[in-house]
Amino acid sequence: MADIPLHHFIYGNCRDFVTGEELVDTDDERVRQELARLLVEEKGYAKEDLEPRLKIETLFAKQFVVSKIDLVVKIDGRRLLAIRYGPGSLVTRERAAIAAAHVLDPGQRIPLVLITNGKDAEFIDTLTGTVLGNGMAAIPLREDIEAMAKFLDFSPYPESKRERELRILNAYDVQVCCAGSPCALPKAPEG
């Protein structure tokens, strides 16, 4: 088992619902796994539609940050929805989630984002920043997101504005834990 700081409660290991990969079993990982199950078992997505644990790395002002996108929904070769999980308030996570959707894929902007704390959610249009729905019931069905895709803007985010979005991610996603340094799960793909 990985050497984990003592303030993280570790249950052992678990299998990723989407990939079958072995992961460190934490409270946060359990929420991520339940979210993946919800998408497949209740919302109609195939496991093949889901890309788990994507990352964006930034370095500004000597601060290296790894921003995580927990799941991305990709249908017919296009990334439609980026999903970010984090405990606590959703409103404080909106801007960083939109920034991640803007810059994750240089070939296209991801037009929709979902932020969730496992109990609540916000479904957001990344072009306008408009909240399209609130609550876990706002998580779209696969058939609904496919219908929406016809009207969404997938154009790449302007190169001239990418650095600004990367700086936003760096500032919002820096993690300093109670031990005074970055708080990550060493040698864990989700850390």
C-alpha atoms as a PDB file:
ATOM      1  CA  MET A   1       0.000   0.000   0.000  1.00  0.00           C
ATOM      2  CA  ALA A   2       1.182   3.552  -0.725  1.00  0.00           C
ATOM      3  CA  ASP A   3       2.765   5.718   1.963  1.00  0.00           C
ATOM      4  CA  ILE A   4      -0.172   8.036   2.660  1.00  0.00           C
ATOM      5  CA  PRO A   5      -0.152  10.996   5.060  1.00  0.00           C
ATOM      6  CA  LEU A   6      -1.941  10.042   8.275  1.00  0.00           C
ATOM      7  CA  HIS A   7      -4.820  12.474   7.817  1.00  0.00           C
ATOM      8  CA  HIS A   8      -6.109  10.506   4.783  1.00  0.00           C
ATOM      9  CA  PHE A   9      -8.279   7.570   5.773  1.00  0.00           C
ATOM     10  CA  ILE A  10      -7.353   4.624   3.564  1.00  0.00           C
ATOM     11  CA  TYR A  11      -9.549   1.542   3.335  1.00  0.00           C
ATOM     12  CA  GLY A  12      -7.123  -0.447   1.209  1.00  0.00           C
ATOM     13  CA  ASN A  13      -7.502  -0.789  -2.546  1.00  0.00           C
ATOM     14  CA  CYS A  14     -10.477  -0.790  -4.883  1.00  0.00           C
ATOM     15  CA  ARG A  15     -11.111  -1.519  -8.554  1.00  0.00           C
ATOM     16  CA  ASP A  16     -11.997   1.322 -10.859  1.00  0.00           C
ATOM     17  CA  PHE A  17     -15.543   0.787 -12.130  1.00  0.00           C
ATOM     18  CA  VAL A  18     -14.685   2.028 -15.636  1.00  0.00           C
ATOM     19  CA  THR A  19     -11.207   0.598 -16.265  1.00  0.00           C
ATOM     20  CA  GLY A  20     -10.762  -2.166 -13.691  1.00  0.00           C
ATOM     21  CA  GLU A  21      -7.512  -0.516 -12.600  1.00  0.00           C
ATOM     22  CA  GLU A  22      -6.507  -0.919  -8.944  1.00  0.00           C
ATOM     23  CA  LEU A  23      -6.769   2.358  -6.999  1.00  0.00           C
ATOM     24  CA  VAL A  24      -6.211   3.504  -3.436  1.00  0.00           C
ATOM     25  CA  ASP A  25      -9.588   3.263  -1.661  1.00  0.00           C
ATOM     26  CA  THR A  26     -10.423   6.575   0.051  1.00  0.00           C
ATOM     27  CA  ASP A  27     -13.654   8.372   0.903  1.00  0.00           C
ATOM     28  CA  ASP A  28     -13.192  10.623  -2.149  1.00  0.00           C
ATOM     29  CA  GLU A  29     -12.469   7.679  -4.447  1.00  0.00           C
ATOM     30  CA  ARG A  30     -15.642   5.958  -3.266  1.00  0.00           C
ATOM     31  CA  VAL A  31     -17.653   9.021  -4.326  1.00  0.00           C
ATOM     32  CA  ARG A  32     -15.934   9.045  -7.729  1.00  0.00           C
ATOM     33  CA  GLN A  33     -16.730   5.357  -8.224  1.00  0.00           C
ATOM     34  CA  GLU A  34     -20.384   5.881  -7.278  1.00  0.00           C
ATOM     35  CA  LEU A  35     -20.566   8.734  -9.788  1.00  0.00           C
ATOM     36  CA  ALA A  36     -19.221   6.474 -12.548  1.00  0.00           C
ATOM     37  CA  ARG A  37     -21.741   3.773 -11.584  1.00  0.00           C
ATOM     38  CA  LEU A  38     -24.567   6.329 -11.656  1.00  0.00           C
ATOM     39  CA  LEU A  39     -23.595   7.433 -15.162  1.00  0.00           C
ATOM     40  CA  VAL A  40     -23.531   3.869 -16.489  1.00  0.00           C
ATOM     41  CA  GLU A  41     -26.313   2.191 -14.531  1.00  0.00           C
ATOM     42  CA  GLU A  42     -28.851   5.019 -14.299  1.00  0.00           C
ATOM     43  CA  LYS A  43     -27.964   7.624 -16.937  1.00  0.00           C
ATOM     44  CA  GLY A  44     -27.381   5.304 -19.897  1.00  0.00           C
ATOM     45  CA  TYR A  45     -23.697   5.897 -20.628  1.00  0.00           C
ATOM     46  CA  ALA A  46     -21.401   3.064 -21.686  1.00  0.00           C
ATOM     47  CA  LYS A  47     -18.144   2.590 -19.838  1.00  0.00           C
ATOM     48  CA  GLU A  48     -16.468   3.281 -23.187  1.00  0.00           C
ATOM     49  CA  ASP A  49     -18.014   6.785 -23.152  1.00  0.00           C
ATOM     50  CA  LEU A  50     -16.085   7.662 -19.985  1.00  0.00           C
ATOM     51  CA  GLU A  51     -12.475   8.820 -19.731  1.00  0.00           C
ATOM     52  CA  PRO A  52     -11.382   8.770 -16.063  1.00  0.00           C
ATOM     53  CA  ARG A  53      -8.656  10.672 -14.215  1.00  0.00           C
ATOM     54  CA  LEU A  54      -7.426  13.157 -16.800  1.00  0.00           C
ATOM     55  CA  LYS A  55      -4.931  15.795 -15.690  1.00  0.00           C
ATOM     56  CA  ILE A  56      -3.728  19.252 -16.644  1.00  0.00           C
ATOM     57  CA  GLU A  57      -0.330  20.322 -15.319  1.00  0.00           C
ATOM     58  CA  THR A  58       0.533  23.983 -14.768  1.00  0.00           C
ATOM     59  CA  LEU A  59       3.502  25.902 -13.416  1.00  0.00           C
ATOM     60  CA  PHE A  60       3.161  29.572 -12.557  1.00  0.00           C
ATOM     61  CA  ALA A  61       5.055  31.615  -9.956  1.00  0.00           C
ATOM     62  CA  LYS A  62       7.067  28.506  -9.029  1.00  0.00           C
ATOM     63  CA  GLN A  63       3.822  26.715  -8.086  1.00  0.00           C
ATOM     64  CA  PHE A  64       3.393  23.362  -9.859  1.00  0.00           C
ATOM     65  CA  VAL A  65      -0.224  22.171  -9.821  1.00  0.00           C
ATOM     66  CA  VAL A  66      -1.881  19.058 -11.218  1.00  0.00           C
ATOM     67  CA  SER A  67      -5.549  19.789 -11.918  1.00  0.00           C
ATOM     68  CA  LYS A  68      -7.750  16.721 -12.139  1.00  0.00           C
ATOM     69  CA  ILE A  69     -10.781  16.066 -14.295  1.00  0.00           C
ATOM     70  CA  ASP A  70     -12.450  13.053 -12.720  1.00  0.00           C
ATOM     71  CA  LEU A  71     -14.420  11.927 -15.775  1.00  0.00           C
ATOM     72  CA  VAL A  72     -14.943  13.136 -19.319  1.00  0.00           C
ATOM     73  CA  VAL A  73     -17.875  11.958 -21.402  1.00  0.00           C
ATOM     74  CA  LYS A  74     -16.789  11.356 -24.996  1.00  0.00           C
ATOM     75  CA  ILE A  75     -19.358  10.338 -27.602  1.00  0.00           C
ATOM     76  CA  ASP A  76     -18.679   9.920 -31.336  1.00  0.00           C
ATOM     77  CA  GLY A  77     -15.118  11.165 -30.912  1.00  0.00           C
ATOM     78  CA  ARG A  78     -16.081  14.439 -29.216  1.00  0.00           C
ATOM     79  CA  ARG A  79     -15.656  15.330 -25.588  1.00  0.00           C
ATOM     80  CA  LEU A  80     -19.024  16.694 -24.473  1.00  0.00           C
ATOM     81  CA  LEU A  81     -18.907  16.847 -20.695  1.00  0.00           C
ATOM     82  CA  ALA A  82     -16.119  17.280 -18.144  1.00  0.00           C
ATOM     83  CA  ILE A  83     -16.937  16.157 -14.602  1.00  0.00           C
ATOM     84  CA  ARG A  84     -15.066  17.389 -11.556  1.00  0.00           C
ATOM     85  CA  TYR A  85     -15.639  16.152  -8.041  1.00  0.00           C
ATOM     86  CA  GLY A  86     -14.635  17.849  -4.814  1.00  0.00           C
ATOM     87  CA  PRO A  87     -16.050  17.922  -1.307  1.00  0.00           C
ATOM     88  CA  GLY A  88     -17.667  21.094  -0.043  1.00  0.00           C
ATOM     89  CA  SER A  89     -19.114  24.100  -1.835  1.00  0.00           C
ATOM     90  CA  LEU A  90     -19.910  23.859  -5.540  1.00  0.00           C
ATOM     91  CA  VAL A  91     -19.963  27.565  -6.330  1.00  0.00           C
ATOM     92  CA  THR A  92     -16.268  27.877  -5.431  1.00  0.00           C
ATOM     93  CA  ARG A  93     -15.464  25.180  -8.005  1.00  0.00           C
ATOM     94  CA  GLU A  94     -17.349  26.617 -10.983  1.00  0.00           C
ATOM     95  CA  ARG A  95     -14.647  28.826 -12.521  1.00  0.00           C
ATOM     96  CA  ALA A  96     -11.874  26.233 -12.259  1.00  0.00           C
ATOM     97  CA  ALA A  97     -14.108  23.567 -13.810  1.00  0.00           C
ATOM     98  CA  ILE A  98     -14.931  25.856 -16.735  1.00  0.00           C
ATOM     99  CA  ALA A  99     -11.232  26.669 -17.180  1.00  0.00           C
ATOM    100  CA  ALA A 100     -10.397  22.949 -17.250  1.00  0.00           C
ATOM    101  CA  ALA A 101     -13.061  22.342 -19.913  1.00  0.00           C
ATOM    102  CA  HIS A 102     -11.623  25.177 -21.989  1.00  0.00           C
ATOM    103  CA  VAL A 103      -8.037  23.898 -22.057  1.00  0.00           C
ATOM    104  CA  LEU A 104      -8.024  20.112 -21.522  1.00  0.00           C
ATOM    105  CA  ASP A 105      -8.233  19.372 -25.248  1.00  0.00           C
ATOM    106  CA  PRO A 106      -6.447  21.901 -27.501  1.00  0.00           C
ATOM    107  CA  GLY A 107      -8.488  20.654 -30.488  1.00  0.00           C
ATOM    108  CA  GLN A 108     -11.872  21.482 -28.973  1.00  0.00           C
ATOM    109  CA  ARG A 109     -13.499  23.198 -26.050  1.00  0.00           C
ATOM    110  CA  ILE A 110     -15.546  20.848 -23.914  1.00  0.00           C
ATOM    111  CA  PRO A 111     -18.942  22.572 -24.026  1.00  0.00           C
ATOM    112  CA  LEU A 112     -20.446  21.234 -20.784  1.00  0.00           C
ATOM    113  CA  VAL A 113     -19.165  20.713 -17.279  1.00  0.00           C
ATOM    114  CA  LEU A 114     -20.610  19.072 -14.201  1.00  0.00           C
ATOM    115  CA  ILE A 115     -19.288  19.809 -10.738  1.00  0.00           C
ATOM    116  CA  THR A 116     -20.349  17.692  -7.817  1.00  0.00           C
ATOM    117  CA  ASN A 117     -19.566  17.040  -4.179  1.00  0.00           C
ATOM    118  CA  GLY A 118     -21.315  13.665  -4.342  1.00  0.00           C
ATOM    119  CA  LYS A 119     -24.526  14.992  -2.804  1.00  0.00           C
ATOM    120  CA  ASP A 120     -25.229  18.015  -4.983  1.00  0.00           C
ATOM    121  CA  ALA A 121     -24.277  19.021  -8.522  1.00  0.00           C
ATOM    122  CA  GLU A 122     -24.270  21.900 -10.989  1.00  0.00           C
ATOM    123  CA  PHE A 123     -24.519  21.355 -14.750  1.00  0.00           C
ATOM    124  CA  ILE A 124     -22.912  24.292 -16.596  1.00  0.00           C
ATOM    125  CA  ASP A 125     -22.566  25.567 -20.177  1.00  0.00           C
ATOM    126  CA  THR A 126     -18.856  26.437 -20.552  1.00  0.00           C
ATOM    127  CA  LEU A 127     -19.428  29.007 -23.307  1.00  0.00           C
ATOM    128  CA  THR A 128     -21.699  31.239 -21.220  1.00  0.00           C
ATOM    129  CA  GLY A 129     -21.072  30.029 -17.668  1.00  0.00           C
ATOM    130  CA  THR A 130     -24.824  29.514 -17.306  1.00  0.00           C
ATOM    131  CA  VAL A 131     -25.919  26.924 -14.764  1.00  0.00           C
ATOM    132  CA  LEU A 132     -28.257  24.651 -16.745  1.00  0.00           C
ATOM    133  CA  GLY A 133     -29.351  22.552 -13.779  1.00  0.00           C
ATOM    134  CA  ASN A 134     -28.862  21.950 -10.081  1.00  0.00           C
ATOM    135  CA  GLY A 135     -28.866  18.784  -8.023  1.00  0.00           C
ATOM    136  CA  MET A 136     -27.909  15.227  -8.842  1.00  0.00           C
ATOM    137  CA  ALA A 137     -31.043  14.968 -10.993  1.00  0.00           C
ATOM    138  CA  ALA A 138     -29.442  17.573 -13.311  1.00  0.00           C
ATOM    139  CA  ILE A 139     -26.872  15.018 -14.476  1.00  0.00           C
ATOM    140  CA  PRO A 140     -27.988  14.501 -18.074  1.00  0.00           C
ATOM    141  CA  LEU A 141     -29.025  11.193 -19.559  1.00  0.00           C
ATOM    142  CA  ARG A 142     -26.850   9.997 -22.439  1.00  0.00           C
ATOM    143  CA  GLU A 143     -29.703  10.469 -24.900  1.00  0.00           C
ATOM    144  CA  ASP A 144     -30.246  14.043 -23.693  1.00  0.00           C
ATOM    145  CA  ILE A 145     -26.592  15.009 -24.007  1.00  0.00           C
ATOM    146  CA  GLU A 146     -26.487  13.485 -27.503  1.00  0.00           C
ATOM    147  CA  ALA A 147     -29.461  15.639 -28.488  1.00  0.00           C
ATOM    148  CA  MET A 148     -27.806  18.718 -26.970  1.00  0.00           C
ATOM    149  CA  ALA A 149     -24.574  18.060 -28.917  1.00  0.00           C
ATOM    150  CA  LYS A 150     -26.196  19.291 -32.132  1.00  0.00           C
ATOM    151  CA  PHE A 151     -26.445  22.794 -30.670  1.00  0.00           C
ATOM    152  CA  LEU A 152     -23.171  23.037 -28.733  1.00  0.00           C
ATOM    153  CA  ASP A 153     -20.040  24.978 -29.657  1.00  0.00           C
ATOM    154  CA  PHE A 154     -16.977  22.696 -29.798  1.00  0.00           C
ATOM    155  CA  SER A 155     -14.642  25.290 -31.314  1.00  0.00           C
ATOM    156  CA  PRO A 156     -11.156  25.301 -29.797  1.00  0.00           C
ATOM    157  CA  TYR A 157     -10.615  27.792 -27.016  1.00  0.00           C
ATOM    158  CA  PRO A 158      -8.653  30.774 -28.419  1.00  0.00           C
ATOM    159  CA  GLU A 159      -4.915  30.227 -28.070  1.00  0.00           C
ATOM    160  CA  SER A 160      -4.517  33.840 -26.939  1.00  0.00           C
ATOM    161  CA  LYS A 161      -6.678  33.109 -23.875  1.00  0.00           C
ATOM    162  CA  ARG A 162      -5.322  29.657 -22.917  1.00  0.00           C
ATOM    163  CA  GLU A 163      -2.649  30.949 -20.552  1.00  0.00           C
ATOM    164  CA  ARG A 164      -5.285  32.876 -18.580  1.00  0.00           C
ATOM    165  CA  GLU A 165      -7.334  29.704 -18.129  1.00  0.00           C
ATOM    166  CA  LEU A 166      -4.240  27.737 -17.119  1.00  0.00           C
ATOM    167  CA  ARG A 167      -3.402  30.416 -14.529  1.00  0.00           C
ATOM    168  CA  ILE A 168      -6.949  30.163 -13.164  1.00  0.00           C
ATOM    169  CA  LEU A 169      -6.551  26.394 -12.795  1.00  0.00           C
ATOM    170  CA  ASN A 170      -3.200  26.837 -11.106  1.00  0.00           C
ATOM    171  CA  ALA A 171      -4.589  29.332  -8.593  1.00  0.00           C
ATOM    172  CA  TYR A 172      -7.825  27.485  -7.819  1.00  0.00           C
ATOM    173  CA  ASP A 173      -6.419  23.963  -7.698  1.00  0.00           C
ATOM    174  CA  VAL A 174      -3.279  24.435  -5.622  1.00  0.00           C
ATOM    175  CA  GLN A 175      -3.590  22.025  -2.711  1.00  0.00           C
ATOM    176  CA  VAL A 176      -1.906  22.857   0.555  1.00  0.00           C
ATOM    177  CA  CYS A 177      -2.920  20.491   3.307  1.00  0.00           C
ATOM    178  CA  CYS A 178      -2.743  20.704   7.062  1.00  0.00           C
ATOM    179  CA  ALA A 179       0.870  19.502   6.899  1.00  0.00           C
ATOM    180  CA  GLY A 180       1.814  22.669   4.946  1.00  0.00           C
ATOM    181  CA  SER A 181       2.750  21.049   1.640  1.00  0.00           C
ATOM    182  CA  PRO A 182       0.955  19.610  -1.387  1.00  0.00           C
ATOM    183  CA  CYS A 183      -1.533  16.971  -0.318  1.00  0.00           C
ATOM    184  CA  ALA A 184      -1.417  14.025  -2.701  1.00  0.00           C
ATOM    185  CA  LEU A 185      -1.533  10.266  -2.568  1.00  0.00           C
ATOM    186  CA  PRO A 186       2.031   9.227  -3.463  1.00  0.00           C
ATOM    187  CA  LYS A 187       2.398   6.813  -6.370  1.00  0.00           C
ATOM    188  CA  ALA A 188      -1.379   6.633  -6.810  1.00  0.00           C
ATOM    189  CA  PRO A 189      -2.804   7.454 -10.270  1.00  0.00           C
ATOM    190  CA  GLU A 190      -5.660   9.373  -8.662  1.00  0.00           C
ATOM    191  CA  GLY A 191      -3.337  11.241  -6.276  1.00  0.00           C
END
